């Protein structure tokens, strides 16, 4: 049926299959954060594991390229200490360094014309209103949302979170808080809060993450690829890279079709200089949900679009320089960046059905899809979902 096909097709990071014979190793498909966390948890319980990864490197969607000694992420980059609890444990374990990720000047670009406009400052009245609504949101999140959030949402999902994020904000009297949410939610690849369920919006916007987006608290950048490479060294079992995995397909009909603030046509929607003075910018492009992967189109639009404003936007006399293939030092085409379901599916008990599948045919599914698509949630899924599932099945 469609639901089963979607689970098998769009599951992002790790599927764990195991034999009924206890002496057999546990087979883990995927060496991303969920797969590595599952392997670590299993080995700590005395089980042997073997990992198969179709990519040439571990890390799942957290890949990177390196230039002049600096990492340039082809996936996740941002974390915040209060929200990324499991991630912080691995950072402390591996010793991989991290640094501040400050929010500098913001410019808006018309990708078709190349026109650039400096984002206007926030007025004092708006800043005051945002601050008051943030305090109320943080109180709600800590007292009501946090207790119900867990891997797999095993205690159920309140009906009020099965509406869209925009509806939830309106129903709860938030008049301006959405202004602090919509840009980052889109540019980090999670869609338009007018279509995406409120459940996911609240999972992404912990009070500490939202405070960072509003410039109230610090955020941090880290080479997540290096972090997961170092973390993988703690796995005792073999990790087979470049494996030809034929029993997992990533295709399937999408369950939602988010309407986005800008029309997604495969164009760049956000770019930022992660390391000041490096001469390198990181660019995120976005196409329609469910669109067939077309790396050639995305690469072509990347060059055409950036060629229109590859200059200092503060210097109106400066001419933009053309961007060519030789200027692109890394390129990563990710299709299922944000596996998720829509408000109707959540309201109809999708997660209950998904949870019931875990353990069937001696197979456990662990990834960001169990809760939300971030490195932190994938780590939690890998570490915790195995234990939750094994409570009801024979190992």
Protein backbone atom coordinates (compact mmCIF):
# COMPACT_ATOMS: atom_id res chain seq x y z
CA UNK A 1 0.00 0.00 0.00
CA UNK A 2 1.06 3.63 -0.42
CA UNK A 3 1.95 4.17 3.22
CA UNK A 4 4.30 1.22 3.30
CA UNK A 5 5.85 2.26 0.02
CA UNK A 6 6.47 5.76 1.33
CA UNK A 7 8.12 4.48 4.48
CA UNK A 8 10.46 2.28 2.50
CA UNK A 9 10.96 4.84 -0.22
CA UNK A 10 11.51 8.09 1.63
CA UNK A 11 13.19 6.92 4.82
CA UNK A 12 16.29 9.00 4.99
CA UNK A 13 19.07 7.58 7.02
CA UNK A 14 19.06 4.17 8.61
CA UNK A 15 17.11 0.93 8.58
CA UNK A 16 18.13 -1.73 11.06
CA UNK A 17 17.40 -5.36 10.26
CA UNK A 18 18.30 -8.22 12.56
CA UNK A 19 18.07 -11.98 12.64
CA UNK A 20 16.17 -13.98 15.22
CA UNK A 21 19.43 -15.76 15.98
CA UNK A 22 21.13 -13.82 18.72
CA UNK A 23 24.59 -14.86 17.53
CA UNK A 24 24.09 -13.15 14.18
CA UNK A 25 25.22 -9.54 13.80
CA UNK A 26 22.68 -6.77 13.41
CA UNK A 27 22.68 -5.39 9.86
CA UNK A 28 22.43 -1.60 9.71
CA UNK A 29 21.68 0.13 6.42
CA UNK A 30 23.06 3.67 6.42
CA UNK A 31 26.08 5.23 8.14
CA UNK A 32 24.43 8.54 8.93
CA UNK A 33 23.78 9.81 12.45
CA UNK A 34 20.91 7.39 13.12
CA UNK A 35 22.82 4.37 11.83
CA UNK A 36 25.98 5.19 13.76
CA UNK A 37 24.02 5.92 16.93
CA UNK A 38 22.14 2.63 16.58
CA UNK A 39 25.41 0.75 16.08
CA UNK A 40 26.95 2.35 19.16
CA UNK A 41 23.89 1.59 21.30
CA UNK A 42 23.79 -2.03 20.13
CA UNK A 43 27.48 -2.62 20.74
CA UNK A 44 27.13 -1.18 24.22
CA UNK A 45 24.52 -3.90 24.82
CA UNK A 46 26.94 -6.57 23.63
CA UNK A 47 25.54 -7.04 20.13
CA UNK A 48 27.71 -7.29 17.03
CA UNK A 49 26.84 -5.03 14.10
CA UNK A 50 27.70 -4.64 10.44
CA UNK A 51 26.94 -1.42 8.55
CA UNK A 52 26.32 -0.99 4.82
CA UNK A 53 26.47 2.53 3.35
CA UNK A 54 25.89 3.27 -0.34
CA UNK A 55 27.93 6.50 -0.27
CA UNK A 56 31.72 6.59 -0.34
CA UNK A 57 31.84 8.28 3.09
CA UNK A 58 29.98 8.04 6.37
CA UNK A 59 27.75 10.88 7.49
CA UNK A 60 24.52 10.43 5.55
CA UNK A 61 23.33 13.86 4.46
CA UNK A 62 26.09 15.51 6.51
CA UNK A 63 28.84 15.74 3.90
CA UNK A 64 31.42 18.49 3.31
CA UNK A 65 34.16 19.72 1.04
CA UNK A 66 37.38 21.37 2.20
CA UNK A 67 39.27 24.36 0.84
CA UNK A 68 42.21 26.17 2.40
CA UNK A 69 41.78 24.22 5.61
CA UNK A 70 38.13 25.25 6.06
CA UNK A 71 35.09 23.00 5.85
CA UNK A 72 32.21 23.92 3.58
CA UNK A 73 29.12 21.88 4.52
CA UNK A 74 26.98 20.03 2.01
CA UNK A 75 24.40 19.44 4.70
CA UNK A 76 23.82 20.40 8.33
CA UNK A 77 25.95 23.12 9.93
CA UNK A 78 24.01 24.83 12.73
CA UNK A 79 23.50 23.61 16.28
CA UNK A 80 22.62 25.13 19.63
CA UNK A 81 23.81 23.65 22.90
CA UNK A 82 20.55 23.58 24.85
CA UNK A 83 18.62 21.90 22.03
CA UNK A 84 21.30 19.51 20.72
CA UNK A 85 21.83 17.40 23.82
CA UNK A 86 22.86 14.13 22.13
CA UNK A 87 24.99 16.02 19.61
CA UNK A 88 26.87 17.73 22.44
CA UNK A 89 27.70 14.33 23.95
CA UNK A 90 29.36 13.28 20.70
CA UNK A 91 31.16 16.61 20.37
CA UNK A 92 32.59 16.13 23.85
CA UNK A 93 33.45 12.49 23.10
CA UNK A 94 35.26 13.22 19.83
CA UNK A 95 36.71 16.64 20.60
CA UNK A 96 35.70 18.04 17.20
CA UNK A 97 35.86 21.86 17.53
CA UNK A 98 33.00 24.26 16.94
CA UNK A 99 32.72 28.03 16.76
CA UNK A 100 30.20 30.85 16.94
CA UNK A 101 27.80 31.27 14.04
CA UNK A 102 26.83 34.91 14.06
CA UNK A 103 24.00 36.52 12.12
CA UNK A 104 25.37 39.40 10.08
CA UNK A 105 23.87 41.69 7.47
CA UNK A 106 20.87 40.29 5.64
CA UNK A 107 20.15 41.07 2.02
CA UNK A 108 17.19 40.14 -0.15
CA UNK A 109 17.91 39.19 -3.76
CA UNK A 110 15.65 38.88 -6.77
CA UNK A 111 17.02 35.71 -8.32
CA UNK A 112 15.67 36.58 -11.78
CA UNK A 113 16.98 40.16 -12.00
CA UNK A 114 19.90 40.22 -9.57
CA UNK A 115 18.49 43.23 -7.71
CA UNK A 116 19.62 43.36 -4.06
CA UNK A 117 18.01 45.12 -1.10
CA UNK A 118 19.36 45.38 2.43
CA UNK A 119 16.89 43.94 4.93
CA UNK A 120 15.39 46.81 6.95
CA UNK A 121 16.02 47.00 10.70
CA UNK A 122 13.33 45.77 13.08
CA UNK A 123 11.35 48.63 14.61
CA UNK A 124 11.26 49.01 18.37
CA UNK A 125 7.52 48.31 18.49
CA UNK A 126 7.95 45.10 16.50
CA UNK A 127 10.94 44.04 18.61
CA UNK A 128 8.88 44.51 21.77
CA UNK A 129 5.97 42.51 20.35
CA UNK A 130 8.31 39.74 19.22
CA UNK A 131 9.92 39.61 22.66
CA UNK A 132 6.58 39.26 24.43
CA UNK A 133 5.35 36.56 22.07
CA UNK A 134 8.66 34.72 22.34
CA UNK A 135 8.34 34.60 26.14
CA UNK A 136 4.84 33.14 25.85
CA UNK A 137 5.99 30.63 23.21
CA UNK A 138 8.95 29.54 25.35
CA UNK A 139 6.66 28.97 28.33
CA UNK A 140 4.25 26.89 26.21
CA UNK A 141 7.07 24.91 24.64
CA UNK A 142 8.68 24.04 27.97
CA UNK A 143 5.54 23.14 29.92
CA UNK A 144 3.26 21.61 27.27
CA UNK A 145 5.19 20.65 24.13
CA UNK A 146 8.40 19.28 25.63
CA UNK A 147 6.71 16.58 27.76
CA UNK A 148 4.93 15.11 24.72
CA UNK A 149 7.82 15.16 22.29
CA UNK A 150 9.72 11.90 21.98
CA UNK A 151 11.11 9.55 19.35
CA UNK A 152 8.06 8.18 17.55
CA UNK A 153 5.66 10.32 19.61
CA UNK A 154 4.71 7.18 21.52
CA UNK A 155 2.39 9.12 23.85
CA UNK A 156 0.37 10.50 20.97
CA UNK A 157 0.16 13.86 19.21
CA UNK A 158 -2.36 16.49 20.37
CA UNK A 159 -4.90 17.34 17.64
CA UNK A 160 -3.91 21.01 17.87
CA UNK A 161 -0.49 20.15 16.38
CA UNK A 162 -2.03 18.41 13.36
CA UNK A 163 -2.88 21.78 11.81
CA UNK A 164 -0.39 23.87 9.86
CA UNK A 165 2.16 26.00 11.66
CA UNK A 166 0.45 29.20 10.51
CA UNK A 167 -2.92 27.97 11.78
CA UNK A 168 -1.43 27.03 15.14
CA UNK A 169 0.13 30.47 15.57
CA UNK A 170 -3.15 32.18 14.70
CA UNK A 171 -5.23 29.92 16.94
CA UNK A 172 -2.93 30.66 19.85
CA UNK A 173 -2.91 34.42 19.36
CA UNK A 174 0.62 34.86 17.96
CA UNK A 175 0.43 37.86 15.65
CA UNK A 176 4.09 38.54 14.82
CA UNK A 177 6.14 35.51 15.90
CA UNK A 178 5.79 33.96 12.46
CA UNK A 179 7.97 36.77 11.09
CA UNK A 180 10.89 35.34 13.07
CA UNK A 181 10.19 31.81 11.83
CA UNK A 182 9.31 31.77 8.16
CA UNK A 183 12.64 32.70 6.53
CA UNK A 184 14.79 30.21 8.42
CA UNK A 185 12.21 27.42 8.12
CA UNK A 186 12.28 27.81 4.34
CA UNK A 187 16.02 28.30 3.89
CA UNK A 188 16.90 25.32 6.09
CA UNK A 189 14.77 23.16 3.82
CA UNK A 190 11.64 22.54 5.88
CA UNK A 191 9.04 24.29 3.76
CA UNK A 192 6.34 26.89 4.29
CA UNK A 193 4.76 27.02 7.73
CA UNK A 194 1.43 27.68 6.01
CA UNK A 195 1.50 24.06 4.80
CA UNK A 196 3.85 22.15 7.12
CA UNK A 197 2.28 20.71 10.31
CA UNK A 198 2.71 22.71 13.50
CA UNK A 199 4.26 19.59 15.05
CA UNK A 200 7.38 19.97 12.90
CA UNK A 201 7.54 23.72 13.36
CA UNK A 202 7.66 23.28 17.13
CA UNK A 203 10.23 20.50 16.86
CA UNK A 204 12.56 22.75 14.88
CA UNK A 205 11.92 25.91 16.85
CA UNK A 206 12.92 25.00 20.35
CA UNK A 207 13.04 28.17 22.45
CA UNK A 208 16.84 28.19 22.26
CA UNK A 209 16.92 27.81 18.47
CA UNK A 210 14.27 30.50 18.04
CA UNK A 211 16.21 32.77 20.40
CA UNK A 212 19.28 32.30 18.20
CA UNK A 213 17.30 33.14 15.06
CA UNK A 214 16.09 36.31 16.78
CA UNK A 215 19.66 37.26 17.73
CA UNK A 216 19.07 36.78 21.46
CA UNK A 217 21.48 33.89 22.11
CA UNK A 218 24.53 32.44 20.33
CA UNK A 219 24.42 29.63 17.82
CA UNK A 220 27.33 27.49 16.69
CA UNK A 221 28.70 25.96 13.52
CA UNK A 222 30.51 22.65 13.34
CA UNK A 223 31.79 20.32 10.66
CA UNK A 224 29.07 17.69 11.09
CA UNK A 225 30.76 15.44 8.53
CA UNK A 226 34.01 15.38 10.50
CA UNK A 227 32.01 14.89 13.69
CA UNK A 228 30.33 11.78 12.29
CA UNK A 229 33.59 10.48 10.79
CA UNK A 230 35.20 10.68 14.22
CA UNK A 231 32.10 9.20 15.86
CA UNK A 232 32.17 6.27 13.43
CA UNK A 233 35.60 5.29 14.74
CA UNK A 234 33.94 4.20 17.98
CA UNK A 235 31.96 1.53 16.09
CA UNK A 236 33.76 -1.81 16.41
CA UNK A 237 31.89 -3.60 13.64
CA UNK A 238 32.73 -3.24 9.94
CA UNK A 239 31.38 -0.27 7.98
CA UNK A 240 31.09 -1.18 4.30
CA UNK A 241 31.17 1.99 2.19
CA UNK A 242 30.10 2.21 -1.43
CA UNK A 243 27.79 -0.76 -0.92
CA UNK A 244 25.32 -1.68 -3.66
CA UNK A 245 22.07 -1.58 -1.67
CA UNK A 246 19.17 -2.87 -3.76
CA UNK A 247 16.42 -3.48 -1.22
CA UNK A 248 15.83 0.16 -0.23
CA UNK A 249 14.30 2.61 -2.70
CA UNK A 250 14.06 6.35 -2.11
CA UNK A 251 11.27 7.02 -4.58
CA UNK A 252 7.55 7.26 -3.90
CA UNK A 253 4.60 9.61 -4.20
CA UNK A 254 4.99 12.57 -1.84
CA UNK A 255 2.42 12.92 0.90
CA UNK A 256 2.44 16.71 0.91
CA UNK A 257 3.00 19.49 -1.58
CA UNK A 258 3.97 22.55 0.44
CA UNK A 259 3.19 26.00 -0.91
CA UNK A 260 6.29 28.08 -0.43
CA UNK A 261 6.80 31.84 0.04
CA UNK A 262 8.82 31.85 -3.18
CA UNK A 263 7.99 29.63 -6.13
CA UNK A 264 10.46 26.71 -6.00
CA UNK A 265 11.97 26.21 -9.43
CA UNK A 266 15.30 24.66 -8.49
CA UNK A 267 16.84 28.10 -7.99
CA UNK A 268 19.21 29.20 -5.20
CA UNK A 269 17.16 30.62 -2.32
CA UNK A 270 19.82 31.34 0.30
CA UNK A 271 23.56 31.84 0.37
CA UNK A 272 25.95 32.79 3.13
CA UNK A 273 29.67 33.12 3.74
CA UNK A 274 30.19 30.64 6.55
CA UNK A 275 33.84 31.59 7.04
CA UNK A 276 34.48 35.30 6.61
CA UNK A 277 37.38 36.05 4.27
CA UNK A 278 37.40 32.54 2.80
CA UNK A 279 36.08 33.65 -0.58
CA UNK A 280 33.55 30.80 -0.46
CA UNK A 281 29.78 31.01 0.01
CA UNK A 282 27.44 28.16 0.83
CA UNK A 283 24.32 28.05 -1.32
CA UNK A 284 21.00 26.26 -0.81
CA UNK A 285 18.75 25.64 -3.81
CA UNK A 286 15.16 24.45 -3.72
CA UNK A 287 12.82 22.74 -6.14
CA UNK A 288 9.22 21.61 -5.87
CA UNK A 289 8.40 18.92 -3.32
CA UNK A 290 8.46 15.57 -5.07
CA UNK A 291 10.23 16.97 -8.14
CA UNK A 292 12.39 14.51 -10.02
CA UNK A 293 16.04 14.97 -9.13
CA UNK A 294 17.72 17.07 -11.81
CA UNK A 295 21.25 18.01 -10.71
CA UNK A 296 22.08 19.44 -14.15
CA UNK A 297 19.17 21.89 -13.93
CA UNK A 298 20.08 22.89 -10.38
CA UNK A 299 23.72 23.42 -11.34
CA UNK A 300 22.73 25.50 -14.38
CA UNK A 301 20.40 27.70 -12.30
CA UNK A 302 23.08 28.05 -9.65
CA UNK A 303 25.54 29.49 -12.15
CA UNK A 304 23.00 31.68 -13.92
CA UNK A 305 21.52 33.08 -10.71
CA UNK A 306 24.72 33.79 -8.79
CA UNK A 307 26.28 35.35 -11.88
CA UNK A 308 23.72 38.16 -11.54
CA UNK A 309 24.82 39.23 -8.06
CA UNK A 310 28.32 37.81 -7.55
CA UNK A 311 29.56 41.14 -6.18
CA UNK A 312 29.53 43.31 -3.09
CA UNK A 313 25.86 44.42 -2.90
CA UNK A 314 26.94 47.59 -1.09
CA UNK A 315 28.85 48.76 -4.16
CA UNK A 316 26.32 49.76 -6.82
CA UNK A 317 29.06 50.54 -9.33
CA UNK A 318 30.66 47.11 -9.15
CA UNK A 319 29.90 44.64 -11.93
CA UNK A 320 28.88 41.10 -11.07
CA UNK A 321 31.36 38.38 -12.05
CA UNK A 322 30.18 35.31 -13.91
CA UNK A 323 30.11 32.05 -11.95
CA UNK A 324 31.43 29.03 -13.86
CA UNK A 325 31.88 25.33 -13.15
CA UNK A 326 35.40 25.91 -11.88
CA UNK A 327 34.00 28.16 -9.13
CA UNK A 328 31.82 25.35 -7.74
CA UNK A 329 33.99 23.42 -5.29
CA UNK A 330 31.26 21.10 -4.00
CA UNK A 331 27.79 20.08 -5.14
CA UNK A 332 25.31 17.81 -3.40
CA UNK A 333 21.91 16.90 -4.87
CA UNK A 334 19.62 15.80 -2.03
CA UNK A 335 16.06 14.75 -2.89
CA UNK A 336 14.51 13.53 0.38
CA UNK A 337 16.01 16.22 2.56
CA UNK A 338 12.92 16.51 4.75
CA UNK A 339 10.86 13.30 4.85
CA UNK A 340 7.57 14.18 6.52
CA UNK A 341 3.81 13.81 6.38
CA UNK A 342 1.08 16.42 6.21
CA UNK A 343 -1.48 17.67 8.73
CA UNK A 344 -4.18 15.23 7.57
CA UNK A 345 -1.89 12.22 7.93
CA UNK A 346 -0.88 13.26 11.44
CA UNK A 347 -4.53 13.77 12.42
CA UNK A 348 -5.37 10.30 11.09
CA UNK A 349 -2.76 8.58 13.27
CA UNK A 350 0.10 8.18 10.81
CA UNK A 351 2.75 7.93 13.55
CA UNK A 352 0.78 5.23 15.38
CA UNK A 353 0.75 3.14 12.21
CA UNK A 354 4.41 3.88 11.55
CA UNK A 355 5.37 2.86 15.08
CA UNK A 356 3.38 -0.36 14.71
CA UNK A 357 5.49 -1.29 11.68
CA UNK A 358 8.71 -1.05 13.66
CA UNK A 359 9.75 -4.55 14.59
CA UNK A 360 7.70 -6.26 11.91
CA UNK A 361 9.72 -8.77 9.88
CA UNK A 362 12.59 -8.20 12.33
CA UNK A 363 13.18 -4.72 10.92
CA UNK A 364 13.56 -1.44 12.78
CA UNK A 365 13.37 1.94 11.04
CA UNK A 366 15.41 4.70 12.65
CA UNK A 367 15.94 8.15 11.16
CA UNK A 368 14.83 11.74 11.47
CA UNK A 369 11.44 10.58 10.17
CA UNK A 370 10.77 9.10 13.62
CA UNK A 371 10.48 12.68 14.89
CA UNK A 372 12.09 15.46 12.83
CA UNK A 373 14.84 15.72 10.23
CA UNK A 374 17.86 17.09 12.08
CA UNK A 375 21.13 15.47 13.15
CA UNK A 376 19.98 15.68 16.77
CA UNK A 377 16.69 13.87 16.18
CA UNK A 378 18.39 11.26 14.00
CA UNK A 379 20.87 10.53 16.80
CA UNK A 380 18.02 10.17 19.27
CA UNK A 381 16.19 7.82 16.93
CA UNK A 382 19.24 5.64 16.45
CA UNK A 383 20.00 5.50 20.17
CA UNK A 384 16.47 5.16 21.55
CA UNK A 385 14.25 3.54 18.96
CA UNK A 386 16.07 0.22 19.13
CA UNK A 387 15.35 -0.09 22.84
CA UNK A 388 11.72 1.00 22.47
CA UNK A 389 11.08 -1.54 19.74
CA UNK A 390 12.92 -4.40 21.39
CA UNK A 391 10.62 -4.09 24.40
CA UNK A 392 7.86 -5.70 22.33
CA UNK A 393 9.67 -8.08 19.97
CA UNK A 394 12.00 -11.03 20.36
CA UNK A 395 15.60 -10.16 19.61
